[in-house]
Amino acid sequence: MDFMELLQKGPVKDLNKLQAARRAVGFERSPDGRVLLLTEDGEPFQVKNDMGVPGLLLLRDAGGFCYYLPRSDSDALVQIDLSDDAVVAQLFANHAWEELVEPLEVLADDQTPAAGQSNGQDNEYGRLEQLRLTERQFRSVVSLAAGGQELPEEPLGQLESQEQ
């Protein structure tokens, strides 16, 4: 019996059976209801909605490094209901999210010691580092992307000089 069939039968009374079925489709749920996505290798990632950017999901690995799942331009999802096992299973069971996940990088302040993993790329904007948060910080944050902006891949000045 697959996971969706199990859910269609009504409330599952055996918690161990439900947890095993969830793990089989790539996620777990903590006692407080929070979702942990599991990679094909079994590595857990906490996941939550970014409440400032509809449809954007934030992830945190066991080491505290933060990631996001980018939205596509055609993505009509306004907010993903992570409280519904059927929704979580349908979106993440095939592990395609592992190919799409991107590190959440921030501009590092030169006065702040490196907390995250540096991508080794200093540019005219500064040093980029992957954001690292404690579990408590990750749980309490409302949005990590609202008001943020994506840096261009190459500074525009370099592009203009290459065209000449």
N, C-alpha and C. Protein backbone atom coordinates (compact mmCIF):
# COMPACT_ATOMS: atom_id res chain seq x y z
N MET A 1 0.85 -1.18 0.00
CA MET A 1 0.00 0.00 0.00
C MET A 1 0.90 1.24 0.00
N ASP A 2 0.61 2.18 -0.89
CA ASP A 2 1.43 3.39 -0.93
C ASP A 2 0.90 4.43 0.07
N PHE A 3 1.65 5.49 0.19
CA PHE A 3 1.36 6.51 1.19
C PHE A 3 -0.01 7.15 1.00
N MET A 4 -0.35 7.48 -0.23
CA MET A 4 -1.64 8.14 -0.49
C MET A 4 -2.81 7.22 -0.15
N GLU A 5 -2.67 5.94 -0.46
CA GLU A 5 -3.72 4.98 -0.11
C GLU A 5 -3.90 4.89 1.40
N LEU A 6 -2.78 4.92 2.11
CA LEU A 6 -2.82 4.88 3.57
C LEU A 6 -3.60 6.09 4.10
N LEU A 7 -3.34 7.27 3.55
CA LEU A 7 -4.04 8.48 3.99
C LEU A 7 -5.52 8.46 3.65
N GLN A 8 -5.86 7.88 2.52
CA GLN A 8 -7.26 7.85 2.09
C GLN A 8 -8.12 6.96 2.96
N LYS A 9 -7.52 6.05 3.69
CA LYS A 9 -8.27 5.16 4.57
C LYS A 9 -8.75 5.87 5.84
N GLY A 10 -8.34 7.11 6.02
CA GLY A 10 -8.73 7.85 7.22
C GLY A 10 -7.57 7.98 8.17
N PRO A 11 -7.85 8.48 9.37
CA PRO A 11 -6.78 8.69 10.35
C PRO A 11 -6.01 7.39 10.64
N VAL A 12 -4.70 7.51 10.63
CA VAL A 12 -3.85 6.35 10.91
C VAL A 12 -3.64 6.29 12.41
N LYS A 13 -4.03 5.17 13.00
CA LYS A 13 -3.95 5.05 14.46
C LYS A 13 -2.57 4.60 14.94
N ASP A 14 -1.83 3.89 14.10
CA ASP A 14 -0.51 3.40 14.47
C ASP A 14 0.54 4.43 14.05
N LEU A 15 1.06 5.18 15.03
CA LEU A 15 2.01 6.26 14.76
C LEU A 15 3.29 5.73 14.11
N ASN A 16 3.77 4.56 14.52
CA ASN A 16 4.98 3.99 13.92
C ASN A 16 4.77 3.68 12.44
N LYS A 17 3.59 3.17 12.11
CA LYS A 17 3.27 2.87 10.71
C LYS A 17 3.22 4.16 9.88
N LEU A 18 2.64 5.22 10.45
CA LEU A 18 2.56 6.50 9.76
C LEU A 18 3.95 7.08 9.55
N GLN A 19 4.79 7.06 10.58
CA GLN A 19 6.15 7.60 10.44
C GLN A 19 6.95 6.81 9.41
N ALA A 20 6.81 5.50 9.38
CA ALA A 20 7.52 4.67 8.39
C ALA A 20 7.04 5.01 6.98
N ALA A 21 5.74 5.23 6.83
CA ALA A 21 5.18 5.59 5.52
C ALA A 21 5.69 6.96 5.07
N ARG A 22 5.78 7.89 6.01
CA ARG A 22 6.32 9.22 5.68
C ARG A 22 7.77 9.11 5.23
N ARG A 23 8.58 8.37 5.99
CA ARG A 23 10.00 8.20 5.63
C ARG A 23 10.14 7.57 4.24
N ALA A 24 9.24 6.66 3.91
CA ALA A 24 9.30 5.98 2.61
C ALA A 24 9.11 6.96 1.45
N VAL A 25 8.40 8.07 1.69
CA VAL A 25 8.21 9.07 0.64
C VAL A 25 9.09 10.30 0.85
N GLY A 26 10.03 10.22 1.79
CA GLY A 26 11.04 11.26 1.88
C GLY A 26 10.85 12.38 2.88
N PHE A 27 10.04 12.16 3.91
CA PHE A 27 9.95 13.19 4.94
C PHE A 27 9.58 12.59 6.28
N GLU A 28 9.81 13.37 7.31
CA GLU A 28 9.40 13.03 8.67
C GLU A 28 8.66 14.23 9.23
N ARG A 29 7.96 13.99 10.30
CA ARG A 29 7.27 15.08 11.00
C ARG A 29 7.66 14.97 12.47
N SER A 30 8.12 16.08 13.04
CA SER A 30 8.51 16.08 14.45
C SER A 30 7.24 16.06 15.31
N PRO A 31 7.37 15.77 16.60
CA PRO A 31 6.18 15.74 17.47
C PRO A 31 5.39 17.05 17.47
N ASP A 32 6.08 18.18 17.21
CA ASP A 32 5.36 19.46 17.18
C ASP A 32 4.81 19.79 15.80
N GLY A 33 4.93 18.85 14.85
CA GLY A 33 4.32 19.01 13.53
C GLY A 33 5.22 19.57 12.45
N ARG A 34 6.43 19.94 12.79
CA ARG A 34 7.34 20.50 11.79
C ARG A 34 7.83 19.42 10.84
N VAL A 35 8.00 19.80 9.58
CA VAL A 35 8.41 18.86 8.53
C VAL A 35 9.92 18.83 8.39
N LEU A 36 10.47 17.64 8.25
CA LEU A 36 11.87 17.42 7.90
C LEU A 36 11.89 16.68 6.58
N LEU A 37 12.44 17.31 5.54
CA LEU A 37 12.61 16.62 4.27
C LEU A 37 13.84 15.73 4.39
N LEU A 38 13.79 14.56 3.79
CA LEU A 38 14.91 13.64 3.82
C LEU A 38 15.48 13.50 2.41
N THR A 39 16.79 13.66 2.29
CA THR A 39 17.42 13.44 0.99
C THR A 39 17.39 11.94 0.71
N GLU A 40 17.76 11.56 -0.49
CA GLU A 40 17.82 10.13 -0.82
C GLU A 40 18.81 9.40 0.07
N ASP A 41 19.81 10.12 0.60
CA ASP A 41 20.78 9.53 1.52
C ASP A 41 20.31 9.57 2.97
N GLY A 42 19.13 10.15 3.21
CA GLY A 42 18.57 10.21 4.56
C GLY A 42 18.95 11.43 5.37
N GLU A 43 19.64 12.41 4.74
CA GLU A 43 20.02 13.62 5.46
C GLU A 43 18.79 14.50 5.66
N PRO A 44 18.52 14.91 6.92
CA PRO A 44 17.32 15.72 7.18
C PRO A 44 17.54 17.21 6.93
N PHE A 45 16.52 17.84 6.38
CA PHE A 45 16.49 19.29 6.18
C PHE A 45 15.19 19.81 6.78
N GLN A 46 15.31 20.77 7.71
CA GLN A 46 14.12 21.43 8.20
C GLN A 46 13.57 22.27 7.05
N VAL A 47 12.27 22.40 6.98
CA VAL A 47 11.66 23.20 5.92
C VAL A 47 10.56 24.05 6.51
N LYS A 48 10.45 25.27 5.99
CA LYS A 48 9.38 26.18 6.42
C LYS A 48 9.09 27.16 5.30
N ASN A 49 7.91 27.73 5.34
CA ASN A 49 7.55 28.77 4.40
C ASN A 49 8.22 30.08 4.79
N ASP A 50 8.67 30.82 3.79
CA ASP A 50 9.12 32.19 4.01
C ASP A 50 7.86 33.03 3.96
N MET A 51 7.47 33.59 5.07
CA MET A 51 6.19 34.30 5.15
C MET A 51 6.20 35.65 4.44
N GLY A 52 7.35 36.10 3.99
CA GLY A 52 7.43 37.38 3.28
C GLY A 52 7.40 37.23 1.78
N VAL A 53 7.65 36.02 1.28
CA VAL A 53 7.67 35.77 -0.16
C VAL A 53 6.80 34.54 -0.43
N PRO A 54 5.59 34.74 -0.88
CA PRO A 54 4.68 33.62 -1.09
C PRO A 54 5.27 32.53 -2.00
N GLY A 55 5.14 31.28 -1.55
CA GLY A 55 5.59 30.15 -2.34
C GLY A 55 7.06 29.80 -2.18
N LEU A 56 7.83 30.62 -1.46
CA LEU A 56 9.25 30.36 -1.27
C LEU A 56 9.44 29.49 -0.02
N LEU A 57 10.20 28.42 -0.18
CA LEU A 57 10.50 27.54 0.95
C LEU A 57 11.93 27.73 1.40
N LEU A 58 12.12 27.78 2.70
CA LEU A 58 13.43 27.87 3.31
C LEU A 58 13.80 26.53 3.90
N LEU A 59 15.06 26.15 3.80
CA LEU A 59 15.53 24.88 4.34
C LEU A 59 16.77 25.11 5.19
N ARG A 60 16.98 24.22 6.14
CA ARG A 60 18.16 24.27 7.02
C ARG A 60 18.65 22.85 7.22
N ASP A 61 19.96 22.64 6.99
CA ASP A 61 20.50 21.29 7.17
C ASP A 61 20.93 21.09 8.63
N ALA A 62 21.42 19.91 8.95
CA ALA A 62 21.79 19.58 10.32
C ALA A 62 22.94 20.45 10.83
N GLY A 63 23.75 20.99 9.94
CA GLY A 63 24.85 21.86 10.34
C GLY A 63 24.44 23.31 10.51
N GLY A 64 23.19 23.64 10.23
CA GLY A 64 22.69 25.00 10.38
C GLY A 64 22.75 25.84 9.12
N PHE A 65 23.27 25.28 8.02
CA PHE A 65 23.37 26.05 6.78
C PHE A 65 22.00 26.15 6.12
N CYS A 66 21.68 27.34 5.64
CA CYS A 66 20.35 27.62 5.09
C CYS A 66 20.35 27.58 3.56
N TYR A 67 19.22 27.17 3.04
CA TYR A 67 19.00 27.02 1.60
C TYR A 67 17.60 27.52 1.28
N TYR A 68 17.31 27.60 0.01
CA TYR A 68 15.95 27.92 -0.41
C TYR A 68 15.63 27.14 -1.67
N LEU A 69 14.35 26.95 -1.89
CA LEU A 69 13.88 26.35 -3.14
C LEU A 69 13.34 27.48 -3.99
N PRO A 70 14.02 27.80 -5.09
CA PRO A 70 13.58 28.92 -5.92
C PRO A 70 12.22 28.66 -6.55
N ARG A 71 11.45 29.71 -6.67
CA ARG A 71 10.15 29.63 -7.33
C ARG A 71 10.36 29.79 -8.82
N SER A 72 9.56 29.10 -9.60
CA SER A 72 9.60 29.31 -11.04
C SER A 72 8.64 30.45 -11.38
N ASP A 73 8.85 31.07 -12.51
CA ASP A 73 7.96 32.17 -12.92
C ASP A 73 6.53 31.69 -13.13
N SER A 74 6.38 30.41 -13.46
CA SER A 74 5.04 29.87 -13.70
C SER A 74 4.43 29.30 -12.43
N ASP A 75 5.12 29.41 -11.31
CA ASP A 75 4.65 28.84 -10.05
C ASP A 75 3.43 29.61 -9.56
N ALA A 76 2.31 28.93 -9.52
CA ALA A 76 1.07 29.57 -9.09
C ALA A 76 0.80 29.34 -7.61
N LEU A 77 1.70 28.64 -6.91
CA LEU A 77 1.50 28.39 -5.49
C LEU A 77 1.65 29.69 -4.72
N VAL A 78 0.66 29.99 -3.92
CA VAL A 78 0.73 31.19 -3.12
C VAL A 78 1.44 30.87 -1.80
N GLN A 79 1.04 29.80 -1.15
CA GLN A 79 1.70 29.35 0.06
C GLN A 79 1.53 27.84 0.11
N ILE A 80 2.53 27.12 0.52
CA ILE A 80 2.51 25.67 0.53
C ILE A 80 2.08 25.20 1.91
N ASP A 81 1.06 24.36 1.95
CA ASP A 81 0.51 23.85 3.21
C ASP A 81 1.36 22.69 3.70
N LEU A 82 2.34 22.99 4.53
CA LEU A 82 3.22 21.97 5.06
C LEU A 82 2.58 21.16 6.19
N SER A 83 1.38 21.55 6.60
CA SER A 83 0.69 20.78 7.65
C SER A 83 -0.05 19.58 7.08
N ASP A 84 -0.16 19.49 5.77
CA ASP A 84 -0.89 18.41 5.11
C ASP A 84 0.09 17.38 4.56
N ASP A 85 0.05 16.17 5.11
CA ASP A 85 0.96 15.11 4.67
C ASP A 85 0.83 14.81 3.19
N ALA A 86 -0.39 14.85 2.66
CA ALA A 86 -0.60 14.55 1.24
C ALA A 86 0.10 15.58 0.36
N VAL A 87 0.03 16.84 0.73
CA VAL A 87 0.69 17.90 -0.03
C VAL A 87 2.20 17.73 0.01
N VAL A 88 2.74 17.49 1.21
CA VAL A 88 4.18 17.32 1.36
C VAL A 88 4.65 16.12 0.53
N ALA A 89 3.92 15.01 0.60
CA ALA A 89 4.30 13.82 -0.16
C ALA A 89 4.26 14.07 -1.66
N GLN A 90 3.22 14.74 -2.15
CA GLN A 90 3.10 15.00 -3.58
C GLN A 90 4.21 15.92 -4.09
N LEU A 91 4.62 16.89 -3.29
CA LEU A 91 5.63 17.84 -3.73
C LEU A 91 7.06 17.32 -3.62
N PHE A 92 7.32 16.46 -2.65
CA PHE A 92 8.71 16.12 -2.35
C PHE A 92 9.08 14.64 -2.46
N ALA A 93 8.14 13.76 -2.74
CA ALA A 93 8.41 12.32 -2.73
C ALA A 93 9.43 11.89 -3.78
N ASN A 94 9.50 12.57 -4.90
CA ASN A 94 10.42 12.14 -5.96
C ASN A 94 11.85 12.68 -5.78
N HIS A 95 12.08 13.44 -4.73
CA HIS A 95 13.41 14.00 -4.41
C HIS A 95 13.93 14.99 -5.45
N ALA A 96 13.08 15.46 -6.35
CA ALA A 96 13.52 16.45 -7.35
C ALA A 96 13.99 17.73 -6.68
N TRP A 97 13.48 18.02 -5.50
CA TRP A 97 13.89 19.24 -4.79
C TRP A 97 15.39 19.27 -4.53
N GLU A 98 16.02 18.11 -4.42
CA GLU A 98 17.46 18.06 -4.15
C GLU A 98 18.26 18.67 -5.29
N GLU A 99 17.75 18.59 -6.51
CA GLU A 99 18.42 19.18 -7.67
C GLU A 99 18.20 20.69 -7.74
N LEU A 100 17.15 21.18 -7.12
CA LEU A 100 16.76 22.58 -7.24
C LEU A 100 17.23 23.46 -6.09
N VAL A 101 17.52 22.86 -4.95
CA VAL A 101 17.84 23.62 -3.75
C VAL A 101 19.10 24.47 -3.98
N GLU A 102 19.05 25.70 -3.50
CA GLU A 102 20.15 26.66 -3.66
C GLU A 102 20.61 27.14 -2.29
N PRO A 103 21.91 27.34 -2.11
CA PRO A 103 22.37 27.91 -0.84
C PRO A 103 21.88 29.35 -0.69
N LEU A 104 21.49 29.70 0.50
CA LEU A 104 21.04 31.06 0.78
C LEU A 104 22.27 31.85 1.22
N GLU A 105 22.73 32.74 0.34
CA GLU A 105 23.96 33.49 0.59
C GLU A 105 23.63 34.93 0.96
N VAL A 106 24.47 35.46 1.82
CA VAL A 106 24.32 36.84 2.26
C VAL A 106 25.66 37.54 2.11
N LEU A 107 25.63 38.85 2.02
CA LEU A 107 26.87 39.63 2.01
C LEU A 107 27.43 39.65 3.42
N ALA A 108 28.68 39.25 3.54
CA ALA A 108 29.32 39.19 4.85
C ALA A 108 29.86 40.55 5.22
N ASP A 109 29.71 40.91 6.45
CA ASP A 109 30.28 42.14 6.99
C ASP A 109 31.73 41.83 7.35
N ASP A 110 32.65 42.65 6.90
CA ASP A 110 34.07 42.39 7.15
C ASP A 110 34.41 42.40 8.64
N GLN A 111 33.59 43.05 9.47
CA GLN A 111 33.85 43.08 10.90
C GLN A 111 33.30 41.85 11.60
N THR A 112 32.47 41.09 10.92
CA THR A 112 31.85 39.91 11.52
C THR A 112 32.64 38.68 11.15
N PRO A 113 33.02 37.86 12.16
CA PRO A 113 33.73 36.63 11.81
C PRO A 113 32.84 35.72 10.96
N ALA A 114 33.45 34.97 10.09
CA ALA A 114 32.70 34.10 9.18
C ALA A 114 31.93 33.06 9.97
N ALA A 115 30.60 33.08 9.81
CA ALA A 115 29.74 32.09 10.48
C ALA A 115 29.33 31.01 9.50
N GLY A 116 29.34 31.34 8.25
CA GLY A 116 28.89 30.40 7.24
C GLY A 116 30.03 29.93 6.37
N GLN A 117 29.67 29.25 5.30
CA GLN A 117 30.66 28.78 4.35
C GLN A 117 30.81 29.85 3.28
N SER A 118 32.02 30.31 3.08
CA SER A 118 32.26 31.31 2.04
C SER A 118 32.36 30.60 0.70
N ASN A 119 31.78 31.21 -0.32
CA ASN A 119 31.89 30.62 -1.65
C ASN A 119 33.22 31.01 -2.30
N GLY A 120 34.02 31.76 -1.57
CA GLY A 120 35.34 32.13 -2.08
C GLY A 120 35.30 33.23 -3.11
N GLN A 121 34.15 33.83 -3.33
CA GLN A 121 34.03 34.86 -4.35
C GLN A 121 33.83 36.22 -3.70
N ASP A 122 34.85 37.01 -3.75
CA ASP A 122 34.70 38.40 -3.36
C ASP A 122 34.42 39.16 -4.65
N ASN A 123 33.50 40.09 -4.59
CA ASN A 123 33.22 40.91 -5.76
C ASN A 123 33.05 42.35 -5.29
N GLU A 124 32.60 43.20 -6.18
CA GLU A 124 32.47 44.61 -5.81
C GLU A 124 31.44 44.83 -4.72
N TYR A 125 30.60 43.85 -4.47
CA TYR A 125 29.59 43.97 -3.43
C TYR A 125 30.11 43.51 -2.07
N GLY A 126 31.13 42.67 -2.05
CA GLY A 126 31.67 42.13 -0.81
C GLY A 126 31.84 40.63 -0.89
N ARG A 127 32.02 40.02 0.26
CA ARG A 127 32.20 38.58 0.34
C ARG A 127 30.85 37.90 0.58
N LEU A 128 30.54 36.90 -0.24
CA LEU A 128 29.31 36.15 -0.06
C LEU A 128 29.56 34.94 0.83
N GLU A 129 28.65 34.73 1.78
CA GLU A 129 28.72 33.58 2.66
C GLU A 129 27.36 32.91 2.72
N GLN A 130 27.38 31.60 2.88
CA GLN A 130 26.12 30.90 3.07
C GLN A 130 25.62 31.17 4.49
N LEU A 131 24.36 31.53 4.59
CA LEU A 131 23.76 31.87 5.87
C LEU A 131 23.72 30.63 6.77
N ARG A 132 24.10 30.83 8.01
CA ARG A 132 24.06 29.74 8.99
C ARG A 132 23.28 30.23 10.21
N LEU A 133 22.25 29.48 10.60
CA LEU A 133 21.40 29.85 11.73
C LEU A 133 21.28 28.68 12.70
N THR A 134 21.10 29.00 13.97
CA THR A 134 20.77 27.96 14.94
C THR A 134 19.34 27.50 14.66
N GLU A 135 18.97 26.39 15.23
CA GLU A 135 17.60 25.90 15.04
C GLU A 135 16.59 26.91 15.57
N ARG A 136 16.89 27.49 16.71
CA ARG A 136 15.97 28.48 17.29
C ARG A 136 15.83 29.71 16.39
N GLN A 137 16.94 30.20 15.84
CA GLN A 137 16.88 31.34 14.92
C GLN A 137 16.06 30.99 13.69
N PHE A 138 16.29 29.81 13.12
CA PHE A 138 15.57 29.40 11.92
C PHE A 138 14.08 29.30 12.19
N ARG A 139 13.72 28.73 13.32
CA ARG A 139 12.30 28.59 13.67
C ARG A 139 11.62 29.93 13.87
N SER A 140 12.34 30.89 14.44
CA SER A 140 11.70 32.15 14.81
C SER A 140 11.68 33.19 13.69
N VAL A 141 12.48 33.01 12.67
CA VAL A 141 12.53 34.00 11.60
C VAL A 141 11.24 33.97 10.78
N VAL A 142 10.76 35.14 10.43
CA VAL A 142 9.53 35.24 9.63
C VAL A 142 9.87 35.16 8.14
N SER A 143 10.91 35.89 7.73
CA SER A 143 11.30 35.89 6.33
C SER A 143 12.80 36.11 6.22
N LEU A 144 13.41 35.38 5.33
CA LEU A 144 14.82 35.59 5.02
C LEU A 144 15.00 36.21 3.64
N ALA A 145 13.94 36.24 2.86
CA ALA A 145 14.06 36.72 1.49
C ALA A 145 13.34 38.04 1.22
N ALA A 146 12.39 38.41 2.05
CA ALA A 146 11.65 39.64 1.81
C ALA A 146 12.61 40.83 1.86
N GLY A 147 12.57 41.66 0.86
CA GLY A 147 13.42 42.83 0.80
C GLY A 147 14.81 42.55 0.28
N GLY A 148 15.13 41.27 0.12
CA GLY A 148 16.44 40.92 -0.42
C GLY A 148 16.46 41.08 -1.92
N GLN A 149 17.64 41.08 -2.46
CA GLN A 149 17.74 41.16 -3.91
C GLN A 149 18.84 40.22 -4.38
N GLU A 150 18.67 39.74 -5.56
CA GLU A 150 19.65 38.86 -6.16
C GLU A 150 20.73 39.70 -6.82
N LEU A 151 21.97 39.35 -6.55
CA LEU A 151 23.07 40.06 -7.19
C LEU A 151 23.23 39.55 -8.60
N PRO A 152 23.61 40.42 -9.52
CA PRO A 152 23.83 39.96 -10.89
C PRO A 152 24.99 38.97 -10.93
N GLU A 153 24.92 38.04 -11.87
CA GLU A 153 25.99 37.06 -12.03
C GLU A 153 27.31 37.74 -12.34
N GLU A 154 27.27 38.74 -13.22
CA GLU A 154 28.45 39.52 -13.54
C GLU A 154 28.08 40.99 -13.40
N PRO A 155 28.95 41.77 -12.81
CA PRO A 155 28.63 43.21 -12.73
C PRO A 155 28.37 43.78 -14.12
N LEU A 156 27.41 44.66 -14.23
CA LEU A 156 27.01 45.22 -15.52
C LEU A 156 28.14 45.92 -16.24
N GLY A 157 29.04 46.53 -15.53
CA GLY A 157 30.18 47.21 -16.15
C GLY A 157 31.03 46.25 -16.95
N GLN A 158 31.23 45.05 -16.44
CA GLN A 158 32.02 44.05 -17.15
C GLN A 158 31.31 43.60 -18.43
N LEU A 159 29.98 43.48 -18.35
CA LEU A 159 29.23 43.07 -19.53
C LEU A 159 29.33 44.11 -20.64
N GLU A 160 29.22 45.40 -20.28
CA GLU A 160 29.27 46.45 -21.29
C GLU A 160 30.65 46.50 -21.96
N SER A 161 31.72 46.31 -21.16
CA SER A 161 33.07 46.37 -21.76
C SER A 161 33.33 45.17 -22.66
N GLN A 162 32.70 44.04 -22.41
CA GLN A 162 32.88 42.86 -23.24
C GLN A 162 32.19 43.01 -24.59
N GLU A 163 31.12 43.80 -24.64
CA GLU A 163 30.36 43.97 -25.88
C GLU A 163 31.11 44.83 -26.89
N GLN A 164 32.04 45.66 -26.47
CA GLN A 164 32.71 46.61 -27.36
C GLN A 164 33.78 45.98 -28.18
